[in-house]
Structure formats: structure tokens, C-alpha cells
Amino acid sequence: MITVETRYEHVILDENRVAIIAGTKTKVIELVLDMLAYGWSPEELQFQHPYLTLGQIHSSLAYYWDHQELLDEEIERRLKAVDQMQAQAAPVPLIERLKMQELI
């Protein structure tokens, strides 16, 4: 795999120019999604991802804040793709029965 170093000590770009936490297979955007979805602090992110150091986490978050517009666009693209897949998916029989019984 070809990687490109960035000015962030613990962040590299893979061959597709996706930001990865150096020494792992974890994408920066995955860590950011945890932070945004759950409101986790860097310390909580480390607790949830014990294989990451606080240095890796802070470096990844710095990368996010410096590239927020680009990463937020990627997050929005992913959310739209999920919405589209859900809209195209066949109904789940259990969910349909629960809806008919007004349980959900």
C-alpha cells in the first residue's frame, strides 16, 4: 500500500487519499464519527479504542478540524448512501408486523 505522510504526526493518506491513523487500519473519519455521534472526548475515544494513543487521537482530531469541510462532506455522502440503501431495501417482515400492531 502506498501512503503519503501529512504534517500531522499520526495521520497518513492511503493510495486513495483517505486519512488513516498511522500504524493502524483505522480511518480518521471513523474516529470523528464516534466523536460526533456520541459526544466522546479524546479520553473517552481512547477508552473505546484502547489500541490508539492520545497522541494519535489528538492528531486525528486536529486533522479533522483543519479539513472539516471535506470530511463533513464525506460524512454527508455516507449518510445519503445509507438512506438510499434503506429506501431500496425490502421491508423486514418483523418490522412490518410490529408496525401493524402499533408497537413501533
N, C-alpha and C. Protein backbone atom coordinates (compact mmCIF):
# COMPACT_ATOMS: atom_id res chain seq x y z
N MET A 1 0.84 -1.17 0.00
CA MET A 1 0.00 0.00 0.00
C MET A 1 0.88 1.24 0.00
N ILE A 2 0.58 2.15 -0.88
CA ILE A 2 1.30 3.40 -0.97
C ILE A 2 0.67 4.39 0.01
N THR A 3 1.49 5.06 0.80
CA THR A 3 0.98 6.05 1.74
C THR A 3 1.73 7.35 1.56
N VAL A 4 1.08 8.42 1.96
CA VAL A 4 1.68 9.75 1.90
C VAL A 4 1.64 10.33 3.30
N GLU A 5 2.77 10.83 3.75
CA GLU A 5 2.81 11.45 5.07
C GLU A 5 2.13 12.81 5.00
N THR A 6 1.59 13.22 6.12
CA THR A 6 0.96 14.53 6.24
C THR A 6 1.74 15.34 7.26
N ARG A 7 1.33 16.56 7.51
CA ARG A 7 2.02 17.35 8.54
C ARG A 7 1.52 16.99 9.93
N TYR A 8 0.61 16.03 10.00
CA TYR A 8 0.09 15.53 11.28
C TYR A 8 0.86 14.26 11.62
N GLU A 9 1.50 14.27 12.76
CA GLU A 9 2.44 13.20 13.12
C GLU A 9 1.84 11.81 12.99
N HIS A 10 0.59 11.62 13.34
CA HIS A 10 0.00 10.29 13.37
C HIS A 10 -1.02 10.04 12.27
N VAL A 11 -1.04 10.88 11.26
CA VAL A 11 -2.02 10.73 10.18
C VAL A 11 -1.29 10.60 8.85
N ILE A 12 -1.68 9.58 8.08
CA ILE A 12 -1.14 9.39 6.73
C ILE A 12 -2.31 9.31 5.77
N LEU A 13 -2.03 9.49 4.50
CA LEU A 13 -3.04 9.32 3.46
C LEU A 13 -2.73 8.04 2.70
N ASP A 14 -3.76 7.21 2.49
CA ASP A 14 -3.53 5.98 1.73
C ASP A 14 -3.55 6.30 0.24
N GLU A 15 -3.48 5.27 -0.59
CA GLU A 15 -3.41 5.46 -2.04
C GLU A 15 -4.65 6.15 -2.60
N ASN A 16 -5.75 6.12 -1.87
CA ASN A 16 -6.98 6.79 -2.29
C ASN A 16 -7.12 8.16 -1.65
N ARG A 17 -6.07 8.62 -0.98
CA ARG A 17 -6.03 9.91 -0.29
C ARG A 17 -7.01 9.97 0.88
N VAL A 18 -7.23 8.81 1.50
CA VAL A 18 -8.07 8.72 2.70
C VAL A 18 -7.16 8.80 3.91
N ALA A 19 -7.53 9.65 4.86
CA ALA A 19 -6.72 9.84 6.06
C ALA A 19 -6.86 8.63 6.98
N ILE A 20 -5.72 8.04 7.32
CA ILE A 20 -5.64 6.85 8.16
C ILE A 20 -4.76 7.19 9.36
N ILE A 21 -5.09 6.62 10.51
CA ILE A 21 -4.23 6.80 11.68
C ILE A 21 -3.01 5.89 11.49
N ALA A 22 -1.84 6.48 11.48
CA ALA A 22 -0.60 5.75 11.20
C ALA A 22 -0.44 4.57 12.15
N GLY A 23 -0.01 3.45 11.59
CA GLY A 23 0.22 2.25 12.39
C GLY A 23 -1.04 1.45 12.65
N THR A 24 -2.17 1.89 12.09
CA THR A 24 -3.44 1.18 12.27
C THR A 24 -4.15 1.08 10.92
N LYS A 25 -5.30 0.47 10.94
CA LYS A 25 -6.16 0.45 9.76
C LYS A 25 -7.38 1.36 9.96
N THR A 26 -7.34 2.14 11.04
CA THR A 26 -8.46 2.99 11.40
C THR A 26 -8.44 4.29 10.61
N LYS A 27 -9.56 4.60 9.99
CA LYS A 27 -9.69 5.85 9.25
C LYS A 27 -10.00 6.98 10.23
N VAL A 28 -9.45 8.14 9.95
CA VAL A 28 -9.70 9.31 10.79
C VAL A 28 -11.20 9.58 10.87
N ILE A 29 -11.90 9.42 9.76
CA ILE A 29 -13.33 9.71 9.73
C ILE A 29 -14.11 8.80 10.68
N GLU A 30 -13.64 7.58 10.90
CA GLU A 30 -14.32 6.68 11.83
C GLU A 30 -14.23 7.21 13.26
N LEU A 31 -13.07 7.72 13.62
CA LEU A 31 -12.89 8.31 14.95
C LEU A 31 -13.75 9.57 15.09
N VAL A 32 -13.78 10.37 14.03
CA VAL A 32 -14.59 11.59 14.03
C VAL A 32 -16.07 11.25 14.19
N LEU A 33 -16.52 10.22 13.49
CA LEU A 33 -17.93 9.82 13.60
C LEU A 33 -18.27 9.42 15.04
N ASP A 34 -17.37 8.74 15.70
CA ASP A 34 -17.59 8.39 17.12
C ASP A 34 -17.70 9.66 17.96
N MET A 35 -16.81 10.61 17.71
CA MET A 35 -16.84 11.85 18.47
C MET A 35 -18.15 12.60 18.24
N LEU A 36 -18.57 12.70 16.98
CA LEU A 36 -19.78 13.45 16.66
C LEU A 36 -21.04 12.73 17.13
N ALA A 37 -21.09 11.43 16.92
CA ALA A 37 -22.31 10.67 17.24
C ALA A 37 -22.54 10.55 18.74
N TYR A 38 -21.46 10.34 19.49
CA TYR A 38 -21.60 10.06 20.91
C TYR A 38 -21.13 11.20 21.81
N GLY A 39 -20.51 12.23 21.22
CA GLY A 39 -20.01 13.33 22.02
C GLY A 39 -18.81 12.96 22.86
N TRP A 40 -18.05 11.96 22.41
CA TRP A 40 -16.93 11.46 23.19
C TRP A 40 -15.76 12.44 23.19
N SER A 41 -15.14 12.59 24.34
CA SER A 41 -13.92 13.37 24.49
C SER A 41 -12.75 12.52 23.97
N PRO A 42 -11.57 13.14 23.80
CA PRO A 42 -10.41 12.34 23.41
C PRO A 42 -10.13 11.19 24.38
N GLU A 43 -10.33 11.44 25.67
CA GLU A 43 -10.08 10.38 26.67
C GLU A 43 -11.09 9.23 26.50
N GLU A 44 -12.34 9.57 26.24
CA GLU A 44 -13.35 8.52 26.02
C GLU A 44 -13.08 7.78 24.71
N LEU A 45 -12.64 8.50 23.70
CA LEU A 45 -12.27 7.84 22.44
C LEU A 45 -11.16 6.83 22.69
N GLN A 46 -10.19 7.19 23.53
CA GLN A 46 -9.11 6.25 23.83
C GLN A 46 -9.64 5.05 24.61
N PHE A 47 -10.56 5.29 25.53
CA PHE A 47 -11.15 4.19 26.29
C PHE A 47 -11.87 3.23 25.35
N GLN A 48 -12.58 3.78 24.37
CA GLN A 48 -13.32 2.96 23.42
C GLN A 48 -12.42 2.33 22.36
N HIS A 49 -11.29 2.93 22.11
CA HIS A 49 -10.30 2.43 21.13
C HIS A 49 -8.95 2.31 21.83
N PRO A 50 -8.80 1.33 22.71
CA PRO A 50 -7.59 1.24 23.54
C PRO A 50 -6.30 1.01 22.76
N TYR A 51 -6.39 0.64 21.51
CA TYR A 51 -5.20 0.44 20.69
C TYR A 51 -4.63 1.76 20.17
N LEU A 52 -5.36 2.88 20.40
CA LEU A 52 -4.90 4.19 19.97
C LEU A 52 -4.32 4.96 21.15
N THR A 53 -3.28 5.72 20.88
CA THR A 53 -2.72 6.59 21.91
C THR A 53 -3.45 7.93 21.88
N LEU A 54 -3.34 8.67 22.97
CA LEU A 54 -3.93 10.02 22.97
C LEU A 54 -3.29 10.89 21.90
N GLY A 55 -2.02 10.68 21.64
CA GLY A 55 -1.34 11.43 20.58
C GLY A 55 -1.97 11.15 19.22
N GLN A 56 -2.26 9.88 18.94
CA GLN A 56 -2.91 9.53 17.67
C GLN A 56 -4.30 10.16 17.58
N ILE A 57 -5.01 10.13 18.69
CA ILE A 57 -6.37 10.68 18.71
C ILE A 57 -6.34 12.19 18.50
N HIS A 58 -5.50 12.89 19.25
CA HIS A 58 -5.43 14.34 19.12
C HIS A 58 -4.96 14.75 17.72
N SER A 59 -4.02 14.02 17.17
CA SER A 59 -3.54 14.31 15.82
C SER A 59 -4.66 14.11 14.80
N SER A 60 -5.44 13.05 14.98
CA SER A 60 -6.57 12.78 14.08
C SER A 60 -7.63 13.86 14.18
N LEU A 61 -7.92 14.29 15.41
CA LEU A 61 -8.92 15.35 15.59
C LEU A 61 -8.42 16.68 15.03
N ALA A 62 -7.13 16.95 15.18
CA ALA A 62 -6.56 18.17 14.58
C ALA A 62 -6.70 18.12 13.06
N TYR A 63 -6.44 16.95 12.49
CA TYR A 63 -6.62 16.78 11.04
C TYR A 63 -8.07 17.07 10.66
N TYR A 64 -9.01 16.54 11.45
CA TYR A 64 -10.43 16.79 11.17
C TYR A 64 -10.75 18.28 11.22
N TRP A 65 -10.35 18.96 12.29
CA TRP A 65 -10.70 20.38 12.42
C TRP A 65 -10.07 21.21 11.31
N ASP A 66 -8.91 20.82 10.82
CA ASP A 66 -8.26 21.54 9.73
C ASP A 66 -8.85 21.20 8.36
N HIS A 67 -9.56 20.07 8.26
CA HIS A 67 -10.15 19.61 7.00
C HIS A 67 -11.65 19.33 7.18
N GLN A 68 -12.27 20.08 8.07
CA GLN A 68 -13.65 19.80 8.47
C GLN A 68 -14.62 19.81 7.29
N GLU A 69 -14.52 20.77 6.43
CA GLU A 69 -15.46 20.85 5.32
C GLU A 69 -15.40 19.60 4.44
N LEU A 70 -14.22 19.17 4.11
CA LEU A 70 -14.04 17.98 3.27
C LEU A 70 -14.57 16.72 3.97
N LEU A 71 -14.24 16.55 5.24
CA LEU A 71 -14.68 15.35 5.95
C LEU A 71 -16.18 15.40 6.24
N ASP A 72 -16.71 16.57 6.52
CA ASP A 72 -18.16 16.68 6.72
C ASP A 72 -18.92 16.35 5.44
N GLU A 73 -18.38 16.72 4.30
CA GLU A 73 -18.99 16.36 3.01
C GLU A 73 -18.99 14.84 2.83
N GLU A 74 -17.90 14.18 3.22
CA GLU A 74 -17.82 12.72 3.13
C GLU A 74 -18.82 12.07 4.07
N ILE A 75 -18.97 12.62 5.27
CA ILE A 75 -19.96 12.09 6.21
C ILE A 75 -21.36 12.22 5.63
N GLU A 76 -21.66 13.37 5.06
CA GLU A 76 -22.98 13.60 4.45
C GLU A 76 -23.21 12.63 3.29
N ARG A 77 -22.18 12.41 2.48
CA ARG A 77 -22.30 11.47 1.36
C ARG A 77 -22.62 10.07 1.87
N ARG A 78 -21.94 9.66 2.94
CA ARG A 78 -22.19 8.34 3.53
C ARG A 78 -23.61 8.23 4.08
N LEU A 79 -24.08 9.28 4.75
CA LEU A 79 -25.44 9.25 5.29
C LEU A 79 -26.48 9.14 4.17
N LYS A 80 -26.27 9.86 3.09
CA LYS A 80 -27.19 9.79 1.95
C LYS A 80 -27.17 8.38 1.33
N ALA A 81 -26.00 7.77 1.26
CA ALA A 81 -25.89 6.42 0.70
C ALA A 81 -26.65 5.43 1.58
N VAL A 82 -26.55 5.57 2.90
CA VAL A 82 -27.28 4.69 3.81
C VAL A 82 -28.78 4.90 3.65
N ASP A 83 -29.21 6.16 3.58
CA ASP A 83 -30.63 6.45 3.39
C ASP A 83 -31.15 5.83 2.10
N GLN A 84 -30.36 5.92 1.05
CA GLN A 84 -30.75 5.36 -0.24
C GLN A 84 -30.85 3.83 -0.16
N MET A 85 -29.90 3.19 0.50
CA MET A 85 -29.94 1.73 0.64
C MET A 85 -31.15 1.30 1.46
N GLN A 86 -31.46 2.06 2.52
CA GLN A 86 -32.62 1.73 3.34
C GLN A 86 -33.91 1.88 2.55
N ALA A 87 -33.98 2.90 1.71
CA ALA A 87 -35.18 3.13 0.92
C ALA A 87 -35.38 2.02 -0.12
N GLN A 88 -34.28 1.46 -0.60
CA GLN A 88 -34.35 0.42 -1.63
C GLN A 88 -34.48 -0.99 -1.04
N ALA A 89 -34.24 -1.13 0.24
CA ALA A 89 -34.27 -2.46 0.86
C ALA A 89 -35.71 -2.95 0.99
N ALA A 90 -35.84 -4.25 0.87
CA ALA A 90 -37.17 -4.86 1.04
C ALA A 90 -37.60 -4.72 2.50
N PRO A 91 -38.89 -4.57 2.73
CA PRO A 91 -39.35 -4.46 4.12
C PRO A 91 -39.03 -5.73 4.91
N VAL A 92 -38.72 -5.55 6.17
CA VAL A 92 -38.43 -6.66 7.06
C VAL A 92 -39.76 -7.11 7.67
N PRO A 93 -40.12 -8.38 7.50
CA PRO A 93 -41.43 -8.85 7.97
C PRO A 93 -41.69 -8.55 9.45
N LEU A 94 -40.71 -8.73 10.30
CA LEU A 94 -40.91 -8.48 11.72
C LEU A 94 -41.26 -7.02 11.97
N ILE A 95 -40.54 -6.12 11.32
CA ILE A 95 -40.81 -4.70 11.50
C ILE A 95 -42.20 -4.35 10.99
N GLU A 96 -42.60 -4.93 9.89
CA GLU A 96 -43.93 -4.69 9.35
C GLU A 96 -45.01 -5.16 10.34
N ARG A 97 -44.81 -6.32 10.93
CA ARG A 97 -45.79 -6.83 11.92
C ARG A 97 -45.85 -5.94 13.15
N LEU A 98 -44.70 -5.48 13.61
CA LEU A 98 -44.67 -4.60 14.77
C LEU A 98 -45.36 -3.27 14.47
N LYS A 99 -45.18 -2.76 13.27
CA LYS A 99 -45.85 -1.52 12.88
C LYS A 99 -47.37 -1.74 12.81
N MET A 100 -47.80 -2.86 12.27
CA MET A 100 -49.23 -3.15 12.17
C MET A 100 -49.85 -3.25 13.58
N GLN A 101 -49.09 -3.73 14.53
CA GLN A 101 -49.58 -3.86 15.90
C GLN A 101 -49.33 -2.56 16.70
N GLU A 102 -48.83 -1.55 16.01
CA GLU A 102 -48.53 -0.25 16.60
C GLU A 102 -47.59 -0.35 17.79
N LEU A 103 -46.64 -1.29 17.68
CA LEU A 103 -45.64 -1.46 18.73
C LEU A 103 -44.39 -0.61 18.45
N ILE A 104 -44.26 -0.19 17.20
CA ILE A 104 -43.18 0.75 16.85
C ILE A 104 -43.73 1.80 15.93
